[in-house]
Each structure stands twice: as C-alpha cells, then as structure tokens.
Amino acid sequence: MAAETTTQEVAIAAEPNRLQKLPAELRNRIYELALPRSEVVHAAYRSAEYVEPRVKQPALTRTCKQIRAEALPLFYGAVRVGLAT
C-alpha cells in the first residue's frame, strides 16, 4: 500500500534549500570548490569505431534539477578529453 503525501510534505519538498537561496555567483564558487578540479577522460578509436568516453558525474549534480543545471557546465568545463589511436 503506497503512503499518501500530505500537502505540507509537498510544500516542504518544493521549498528551496539554503544553497539555492544564495546569489548565483556564490553558488558557482561553491560548485567550483566542491567539484573535482579536473579530470582527464580518454577516448579511443577501435578499428574505425569511436568509443564514447565515460565520465562519472559527481554526486552533487544528482541532488536536484537546479543544482544539476548549474554545476554540470562547470564540471564539464574542467574535464579534459584525451584521444588515443
């Protein structure tokens, strides 16, 4: 039997947290400090077939849609892709 969600629980879940209430400039600085500095991802060609590099996204980017939208560009901006033949 599924538990019912009350109106109060929905209102609490929709309320922004303290991080989201900060100005965007401060949030971006926090993301820069919290995300990995830089990561090198190696991609390779195997017999004329490109192998898609796999990048594990940080847990911070899986907390909510807003944080994901703001932090992923900073994360991918720091990722370096190396190509090998």
PDB file of N, CA and C in Angstrom:
ATOM      1  N   MET A   1       0.845  -1.169   0.000  1.00  0.00           N
ATOM      2  CA  MET A   1       0.000   0.000   0.000  1.00  0.00           C
ATOM      3  C   MET A   1       0.895   1.238   0.000  1.00  0.00           C
ATOM      4  N   ALA A   2       0.689   2.140  -0.941  1.00  0.00           N
ATOM      5  CA  ALA A   2       1.513   3.338  -1.072  1.00  0.00           C
ATOM      6  C   ALA A   2       1.136   4.364  -0.012  1.00  0.00           C
ATOM      7  N   ALA A   3       2.145   5.036   0.509  1.00  0.00           N
ATOM      8  CA  ALA A   3       1.906   6.078   1.510  1.00  0.00           C
ATOM      9  C   ALA A   3       1.412   7.347   0.813  1.00  0.00           C
ATOM     10  N   GLU A   4       0.465   8.005   1.425  1.00  0.00           N
ATOM     11  CA  GLU A   4      -0.057   9.245   0.851  1.00  0.00           C
ATOM     12  C   GLU A   4       0.849  10.404   1.232  1.00  0.00           C
ATOM     13  N   THR A   5       1.026  11.334   0.306  1.00  0.00           N
ATOM     14  CA  THR A   5       1.830  12.516   0.560  1.00  0.00           C
ATOM     15  C   THR A   5       0.892  13.642   0.971  1.00  0.00           C
ATOM     16  N   THR A   6       1.208  14.260   2.091  1.00  0.00           N
ATOM     17  CA  THR A   6       0.362  15.350   2.568  1.00  0.00           C
ATOM     18  C   THR A   6       0.741  16.651   1.864  1.00  0.00           C
ATOM     19  N   THR A   7      -0.153  17.622   1.912  1.00  0.00           N
ATOM     20  CA  THR A   7       0.093  18.930   1.319  1.00  0.00           C
ATOM     21  C   THR A   7       1.304  19.592   1.967  1.00  0.00           C
ATOM     22  N   GLN A   8       1.458  19.415   3.269  1.00  0.00           N
ATOM     23  CA  GLN A   8       2.590  20.002   3.981  1.00  0.00           C
ATOM     24  C   GLN A   8       3.909  19.391   3.501  1.00  0.00           C
ATOM     25  N   GLU A   9       3.949  18.082   3.267  1.00  0.00           N
ATOM     26  CA  GLU A   9       5.171  17.428   2.779  1.00  0.00           C
ATOM     27  C   GLU A   9       5.539  17.926   1.388  1.00  0.00           C
ATOM     28  N   VAL A  10       4.540  18.143   0.537  1.00  0.00           N
ATOM     29  CA  VAL A  10       4.786  18.649  -0.809  1.00  0.00           C
ATOM     30  C   VAL A  10       5.326  20.068  -0.740  1.00  0.00           C
ATOM     31  N   ALA A  11       4.776  20.905   0.128  1.00  0.00           N
ATOM     32  CA  ALA A  11       5.226  22.282   0.280  1.00  0.00           C
ATOM     33  C   ALA A  11       6.662  22.332   0.785  1.00  0.00           C
ATOM     34  N   ILE A  12       7.016  21.462   1.708  1.00  0.00           N
ATOM     35  CA  ILE A  12       8.380  21.427   2.237  1.00  0.00           C
ATOM     36  C   ILE A  12       9.344  20.984   1.147  1.00  0.00           C
ATOM     37  N   ALA A  13       8.978  19.991   0.361  1.00  0.00           N
ATOM     38  CA  ALA A  13       9.843  19.491  -0.696  1.00  0.00           C
ATOM     39  C   ALA A  13      10.059  20.531  -1.791  1.00  0.00           C
ATOM     40  N   ALA A  14       9.079  21.380  -2.061  1.00  0.00           N
ATOM     41  CA  ALA A  14       9.178  22.380  -3.113  1.00  0.00           C
ATOM     42  C   ALA A  14       9.941  23.624  -2.661  1.00  0.00           C
ATOM     43  N   GLU A  15      10.159  23.772  -1.382  1.00  0.00           N
ATOM     44  CA  GLU A  15      10.843  24.948  -0.848  1.00  0.00           C
ATOM     45  C   GLU A  15      12.342  24.875  -1.153  1.00  0.00           C
ATOM     46  N   PRO A  16      12.926  25.963  -1.678  1.00  0.00           N
ATOM     47  CA  PRO A  16      14.359  25.923  -1.972  1.00  0.00           C
ATOM     48  C   PRO A  16      15.196  25.803  -0.705  1.00  0.00           C
ATOM     49  N   ASN A  17      16.322  25.110  -0.824  1.00  0.00           N
ATOM     50  CA  ASN A  17      17.202  24.984   0.324  1.00  0.00           C
ATOM     51  C   ASN A  17      18.087  26.224   0.443  1.00  0.00           C
ATOM     52  N   ARG A  18      18.925  26.259   1.460  1.00  0.00           N
ATOM     53  CA  ARG A  18      19.758  27.444   1.703  1.00  0.00           C
ATOM     54  C   ARG A  18      20.723  27.708   0.557  1.00  0.00           C
ATOM     55  N   LEU A  19      21.270  26.665  -0.030  1.00  0.00           N
ATOM     56  CA  LEU A  19      22.193  26.837  -1.145  1.00  0.00           C
ATOM     57  C   LEU A  19      21.498  27.531  -2.314  1.00  0.00           C
ATOM     58  N   GLN A  20      20.277  27.116  -2.601  1.00  0.00           N
ATOM     59  CA  GLN A  20      19.553  27.685  -3.725  1.00  0.00           C
ATOM     60  C   GLN A  20      19.127  29.129  -3.489  1.00  0.00           C
ATOM     61  N   LYS A  21      19.118  29.552  -2.255  1.00  0.00           N
ATOM     62  CA  LYS A  21      18.743  30.927  -1.939  1.00  0.00           C
ATOM     63  C   LYS A  21      19.916  31.898  -2.100  1.00  0.00           C
ATOM     64  N   LEU A  22      21.136  31.371  -2.205  1.00  0.00           N
ATOM     65  CA  LEU A  22      22.310  32.223  -2.380  1.00  0.00           C
ATOM     66  C   LEU A  22      22.347  32.813  -3.786  1.00  0.00           C
ATOM     67  N   PRO A  23      23.027  33.953  -3.958  1.00  0.00           N
ATOM     68  CA  PRO A  23      23.201  34.504  -5.313  1.00  0.00           C
ATOM     69  C   PRO A  23      23.969  33.516  -6.199  1.00  0.00           C
ATOM     70  N   ALA A  24      23.716  33.575  -7.481  1.00  0.00           N
ATOM     71  CA  ALA A  24      24.327  32.646  -8.435  1.00  0.00           C
ATOM     72  C   ALA A  24      25.853  32.671  -8.376  1.00  0.00           C
ATOM     73  N   GLU A  25      26.455  33.835  -8.185  1.00  0.00           N
ATOM     74  CA  GLU A  25      27.911  33.936  -8.131  1.00  0.00           C
ATOM     75  C   GLU A  25      28.480  33.114  -6.975  1.00  0.00           C
ATOM     76  N   LEU A  26      27.819  33.153  -5.826  1.00  0.00           N
ATOM     77  CA  LEU A  26      28.274  32.369  -4.677  1.00  0.00           C
ATOM     78  C   LEU A  26      28.063  30.874  -4.899  1.00  0.00           C
ATOM     79  N   ARG A  27      26.920  30.509  -5.479  1.00  0.00           N
ATOM     80  CA  ARG A  27      26.663  29.089  -5.766  1.00  0.00           C
ATOM     81  C   ARG A  27      27.729  28.552  -6.716  1.00  0.00           C
ATOM     82  N   ASN A  28      28.062  29.317  -7.759  1.00  0.00           N
ATOM     83  CA  ASN A  28      29.077  28.863  -8.708  1.00  0.00           C
ATOM     84  C   ASN A  28      30.429  28.679  -8.035  1.00  0.00           C
ATOM     85  N   ARG A  29      30.780  29.567  -7.137  1.00  0.00           N
ATOM     86  CA  ARG A  29      32.051  29.439  -6.418  1.00  0.00           C
ATOM     87  C   ARG A  29      32.046  28.175  -5.547  1.00  0.00           C
ATOM     88  N   ILE A  30      30.923  27.911  -4.899  1.00  0.00           N
ATOM     89  CA  ILE A  30      30.788  26.699  -4.083  1.00  0.00           C
ATOM     90  C   ILE A  30      30.916  25.459  -4.962  1.00  0.00           C
ATOM     91  N   TYR A  31      30.268  25.468  -6.127  1.00  0.00           N
ATOM     92  CA  TYR A  31      30.377  24.330  -7.047  1.00  0.00           C
ATOM     93  C   TYR A  31      31.825  24.130  -7.474  1.00  0.00           C
ATOM     94  N   GLU A  32      32.529  25.218  -7.796  1.00  0.00           N
ATOM     95  CA  GLU A  32      33.930  25.118  -8.211  1.00  0.00           C
ATOM     96  C   GLU A  32      34.786  24.473  -7.116  1.00  0.00           C
ATOM     97  N   LEU A  33      34.505  24.812  -5.868  1.00  0.00           N
ATOM     98  CA  LEU A  33      35.264  24.249  -4.758  1.00  0.00           C
ATOM     99  C   LEU A  33      34.866  22.795  -4.464  1.00  0.00           C
ATOM    100  N   ALA A  34      33.602  22.471  -4.681  1.00  0.00           N
ATOM    101  CA  ALA A  34      33.094  21.141  -4.336  1.00  0.00           C
ATOM    102  C   ALA A  34      33.331  20.102  -5.431  1.00  0.00           C
ATOM    103  N   LEU A  35      33.396  20.537  -6.685  1.00  0.00           N
ATOM    104  CA  LEU A  35      33.570  19.598  -7.789  1.00  0.00           C
ATOM    105  C   LEU A  35      35.037  19.236  -7.953  1.00  0.00           C
ATOM    106  N   PRO A  36      35.319  18.074  -8.553  1.00  0.00           N
ATOM    107  CA  PRO A  36      36.715  17.692  -8.798  1.00  0.00           C
ATOM    108  C   PRO A  36      37.420  18.758  -9.636  1.00  0.00           C
ATOM    109  N   ARG A  37      38.699  19.002  -9.348  1.00  0.00           N
ATOM    110  CA  ARG A  37      39.470  20.056 -10.029  1.00  0.00           C
ATOM    111  C   ARG A  37      39.483  19.855 -11.539  1.00  0.00           C
ATOM    112  N   SER A  38      39.998  18.765 -11.985  1.00  0.00           N
ATOM    113  CA  SER A  38      39.983  18.449 -13.411  1.00  0.00           C
ATOM    114  C   SER A  38      40.115  16.945 -13.543  1.00  0.00           C
ATOM    115  N   GLU A  39      39.575  16.466 -14.582  1.00  0.00           N
ATOM    116  CA  GLU A  39      39.606  15.028 -14.810  1.00  0.00           C
ATOM    117  C   GLU A  39      39.990  14.812 -16.259  1.00  0.00           C
ATOM    118  N   VAL A  40      40.862  13.862 -16.499  1.00  0.00           N
ATOM    119  CA  VAL A  40      41.240  13.531 -17.856  1.00  0.00           C
ATOM    120  C   VAL A  40      40.472  12.281 -18.252  1.00  0.00           C
ATOM    121  N   VAL A  41      39.742  12.379 -19.333  1.00  0.00           N
ATOM    122  CA  VAL A  41      38.959  11.259 -19.843  1.00  0.00           C
ATOM    123  C   VAL A  41      39.580  10.852 -21.167  1.00  0.00           C
ATOM    124  N   HIS A  42      39.862   9.574 -21.316  1.00  0.00           N
ATOM    125  CA  HIS A  42      40.486   9.089 -22.538  1.00  0.00           C
ATOM    126  C   HIS A  42      39.433   8.441 -23.437  1.00  0.00           C
ATOM    127  N   ALA A  43      39.426   8.884 -24.660  1.00  0.00           N
ATOM    128  CA  ALA A  43      38.565   8.286 -25.671  1.00  0.00           C
ATOM    129  C   ALA A  43      39.482   7.600 -26.681  1.00  0.00           C
ATOM    130  N   ALA A  44      38.994   6.582 -27.332  1.00  0.00           N
ATOM    131  CA  ALA A  44      39.844   5.837 -28.263  1.00  0.00           C
ATOM    132  C   ALA A  44      39.053   5.440 -29.504  1.00  0.00           C
ATOM    133  N   TYR A  45      39.793   5.216 -30.554  1.00  0.00           N
ATOM    134  CA  TYR A  45      39.213   4.671 -31.784  1.00  0.00           C
ATOM    135  C   TYR A  45      39.588   3.205 -31.859  1.00  0.00           C
ATOM    136  N   ARG A  46      38.624   2.367 -32.071  1.00  0.00           N
ATOM    137  CA  ARG A  46      38.884   0.932 -32.255  1.00  0.00           C
ATOM    138  C   ARG A  46      38.396   0.547 -33.641  1.00  0.00           C
ATOM    139  N   SER A  47      39.326   0.252 -34.505  1.00  0.00           N
ATOM    140  CA  SER A  47      39.023  -0.155 -35.883  1.00  0.00           C
ATOM    141  C   SER A  47      37.931   0.705 -36.499  1.00  0.00           C
ATOM    142  N   ALA A  48      38.228   2.000 -36.599  1.00  0.00           N
ATOM    143  CA  ALA A  48      37.344   2.994 -37.211  1.00  0.00           C
ATOM    144  C   ALA A  48      36.038   3.184 -36.445  1.00  0.00           C
ATOM    145  N   GLU A  49      36.017   2.790 -35.210  1.00  0.00           N
ATOM    146  CA  GLU A  49      34.817   2.958 -34.384  1.00  0.00           C
ATOM    147  C   GLU A  49      35.181   3.812 -33.172  1.00  0.00           C
ATOM    148  N   TYR A  50      34.490   4.913 -33.020  1.00  0.00           N
ATOM    149  CA  TYR A  50      34.756   5.804 -31.901  1.00  0.00           C
ATOM    150  C   TYR A  50      34.152   5.225 -30.631  1.00  0.00           C
ATOM    151  N   VAL A  51      34.931   5.197 -29.556  1.00  0.00           N
ATOM    152  CA  VAL A  51      34.460   4.696 -28.272  1.00  0.00           C
ATOM    153  C   VAL A  51      34.118   5.899 -27.397  1.00  0.00           C
ATOM    154  N   GLU A  52      32.888   6.006 -27.025  1.00  0.00           N
ATOM    155  CA  GLU A  52      32.406   7.126 -26.206  1.00  0.00           C
ATOM    156  C   GLU A  52      33.076   7.122 -24.839  1.00  0.00           C
ATOM    157  N   PRO A  53      33.700   8.241 -24.446  1.00  0.00           N
ATOM    158  CA  PRO A  53      34.298   8.280 -23.111  1.00  0.00           C
ATOM    159  C   PRO A  53      33.218   8.294 -22.036  1.00  0.00           C
ATOM    160  N   ARG A  54      33.467   7.632 -20.951  1.00  0.00           N
ATOM    161  CA  ARG A  54      32.523   7.590 -19.831  1.00  0.00           C
ATOM    162  C   ARG A  54      33.031   8.507 -18.727  1.00  0.00           C
ATOM    163  N   VAL A  55      32.194   9.422 -18.321  1.00  0.00           N
ATOM    164  CA  VAL A  55      32.546  10.330 -17.243  1.00  0.00           C
ATOM    165  C   VAL A  55      31.521  10.146 -16.137  1.00  0.00           C
ATOM    166  N   LYS A  56      32.004   9.835 -14.953  1.00  0.00           N
ATOM    167  CA  LYS A  56      31.102   9.694 -13.816  1.00  0.00           C
ATOM    168  C   LYS A  56      30.817  11.084 -13.259  1.00  0.00           C
ATOM    169  N   GLN A  57      29.553  11.458 -13.295  1.00  0.00           N
ATOM    170  CA  GLN A  57      29.171  12.774 -12.799  1.00  0.00           C
ATOM    171  C   GLN A  57      29.195  12.785 -11.274  1.00  0.00           C
ATOM    172  N   PRO A  58      29.646  13.897 -10.695  1.00  0.00           N
ATOM    173  CA  PRO A  58      29.720  13.987  -9.233  1.00  0.00           C
ATOM    174  C   PRO A  58      28.341  13.878  -8.584  1.00  0.00           C
ATOM    175  N   ALA A  59      28.326  13.389  -7.366  1.00  0.00           N
ATOM    176  CA  ALA A  59      27.072  13.216  -6.633  1.00  0.00           C
ATOM    177  C   ALA A  59      26.329  14.539  -6.463  1.00  0.00           C
ATOM    178  N   LEU A  60      27.064  15.633  -6.334  1.00  0.00           N
ATOM    179  CA  LEU A  60      26.435  16.948  -6.180  1.00  0.00           C
ATOM    180  C   LEU A  60      25.474  17.242  -7.317  1.00  0.00           C
ATOM    181  N   THR A  61      25.799  16.771  -8.511  1.00  0.00           N
ATOM    182  CA  THR A  61      24.954  17.052  -9.675  1.00  0.00           C
ATOM    183  C   THR A  61      23.693  16.196  -9.705  1.00  0.00           C
ATOM    184  N   ARG A  62      23.570  15.294  -8.763  1.00  0.00           N
ATOM    185  CA  ARG A  62      22.378  14.437  -8.715  1.00  0.00           C
ATOM    186  C   ARG A  62      21.461  14.782  -7.547  1.00  0.00           C
ATOM    187  N   THR A  63      21.615  15.977  -6.989  1.00  0.00           N
ATOM    188  CA  THR A  63      20.799  16.352  -5.825  1.00  0.00           C
ATOM    189  C   THR A  63      19.466  16.971  -6.215  1.00  0.00           C
ATOM    190  N   CYS A  64      19.458  17.852  -7.205  1.00  0.00           N
ATOM    191  CA  CYS A  64      18.201  18.425  -7.693  1.00  0.00           C
ATOM    192  C   CYS A  64      18.437  19.018  -9.082  1.00  0.00           C
ATOM    193  N   LYS A  65      17.368  19.305  -9.800  1.00  0.00           N
ATOM    194  CA  LYS A  65      17.469  19.782 -11.183  1.00  0.00           C
ATOM    195  C   LYS A  65      18.207  21.104 -11.287  1.00  0.00           C
ATOM    196  N   GLN A  66      17.954  22.033 -10.379  1.00  0.00           N
ATOM    197  CA  GLN A  66      18.590  23.342 -10.451  1.00  0.00           C
ATOM    198  C   GLN A  66      20.101  23.226 -10.250  1.00  0.00           C
ATOM    199  N   ILE A  67      20.510  22.499  -9.221  1.00  0.00           N
ATOM    200  CA  ILE A  67      21.937  22.340  -8.958  1.00  0.00           C
ATOM    201  C   ILE A  67      22.599  21.598 -10.114  1.00  0.00           C
ATOM    202  N   ARG A  68      21.937  20.605 -10.663  1.00  0.00           N
ATOM    203  CA  ARG A  68      22.467  19.875 -11.817  1.00  0.00           C
ATOM    204  C   ARG A  68      22.686  20.813 -12.997  1.00  0.00           C
ATOM    205  N   ALA A  69      21.701  21.650 -13.286  1.00  0.00           N
ATOM    206  CA  ALA A  69      21.787  22.581 -14.420  1.00  0.00           C
ATOM    207  C   ALA A  69      22.900  23.605 -14.215  1.00  0.00           C
ATOM    208  N   GLU A  70      23.146  23.991 -12.988  1.00  0.00           N
ATOM    209  CA  GLU A  70      24.168  24.996 -12.711  1.00  0.00           C
ATOM    210  C   GLU A  70      25.568  24.397 -12.593  1.00  0.00           C
ATOM    211  N   ALA A  71      25.691  23.199 -12.034  1.00  0.00           N
ATOM    212  CA  ALA A  71      27.003  22.626 -11.740  1.00  0.00           C
ATOM    213  C   ALA A  71      27.596  21.817 -12.893  1.00  0.00           C
ATOM    214  N   LEU A  72      26.770  21.158 -13.693  1.00  0.00           N
ATOM    215  CA  LEU A  72      27.323  20.330 -14.771  1.00  0.00           C
ATOM    216  C   LEU A  72      28.162  21.117 -15.774  1.00  0.00           C
ATOM    217  N   PRO A  73      27.747  22.315 -16.207  1.00  0.00           N
ATOM    218  CA  PRO A  73      28.619  23.065 -17.124  1.00  0.00           C
ATOM    219  C   PRO A  73      29.991  23.372 -16.510  1.00  0.00           C
ATOM    220  N   LEU A  74      30.040  23.651 -15.219  1.00  0.00           N
ATOM    221  CA  LEU A  74      31.322  23.893 -14.555  1.00  0.00           C
ATOM    222  C   LEU A  74      32.150  22.618 -14.512  1.00  0.00           C
ATOM    223  N   PHE A  75      31.497  21.494 -14.232  1.00  0.00           N
ATOM    224  CA  PHE A  75      32.191  20.209 -14.173  1.00  0.00           C
ATOM    225  C   PHE A  75      32.762  19.844 -15.544  1.00  0.00           C
ATOM    226  N   TYR A  76      31.926  19.891 -16.586  1.00  0.00           N
ATOM    227  CA  TYR A  76      32.385  19.512 -17.917  1.00  0.00           C
ATOM    228  C   TYR A  76      33.379  20.526 -18.483  1.00  0.00           C
ATOM    229  N   GLY A  77      33.333  21.764 -17.999  1.00  0.00           N
ATOM    230  CA  GLY A  77      34.326  22.741 -18.409  1.00  0.00           C
ATOM    231  C   GLY A  77      35.719  22.403 -17.909  1.00  0.00           C
ATOM    232  N   ALA A  78      35.804  21.617 -16.837  1.00  0.00           N
ATOM    233  CA  ALA A  78      37.090  21.233 -16.257  1.00  0.00           C
ATOM    234  C   ALA A  78      37.571  19.870 -16.747  1.00  0.00           C
ATOM    235  N   VAL A  79      36.717  19.122 -17.439  1.00  0.00           N
ATOM    236  CA  VAL A  79      37.097  17.791 -17.935  1.00  0.00           C
ATOM    237  C   VAL A  79      37.920  17.941 -19.214  1.00  0.00           C
ATOM    238  N   ARG A  80      39.055  17.268 -19.242  1.00  0.00           N
ATOM    239  CA  ARG A  80      39.893  17.255 -20.446  1.00  0.00           C
ATOM    240  C   ARG A  80      39.748  15.898 -21.098  1.00  0.00           C
ATOM    241  N   VAL A  81      39.597  15.908 -22.410  1.00  0.00           N
ATOM    242  CA  VAL A  81      39.432  14.661 -23.155  1.00  0.00           C
ATOM    243  C   VAL A  81      40.712  14.391 -23.933  1.00  0.00           C
ATOM    244  N   GLY A  82      41.281  13.224 -23.719  1.00  0.00           N
ATOM    245  CA  GLY A  82      42.457  12.806 -24.453  1.00  0.00           C
ATOM    246  C   GLY A  82      42.075  11.754 -25.483  1.00  0.00           C
ATOM    247  N   LEU A  83      42.544  11.911 -26.703  1.00  0.00           N
ATOM    248  CA  LEU A  83      42.227  10.950 -27.760  1.00  0.00           C
ATOM    249  C   LEU A  83      43.431  10.053 -28.017  1.00  0.00           C
ATOM    250  N   ALA A  84      43.195   8.785 -28.103  1.00  0.00           N
ATOM    251  CA  ALA A  84      44.240   7.812 -28.400  1.00  0.00           C
ATOM    252  C   ALA A  84      43.853   7.042 -29.650  1.00  0.00           C
ATOM    253  N   THR A  85      44.837   6.674 -30.418  1.00  0.00           N
ATOM    254  CA  THR A  85      44.536   5.909 -31.627  1.00  0.00           C
ATOM    255  C   THR A  85      44.998   4.488 -31.496  1.00  0.00           C
TER     256      THR A  85
END
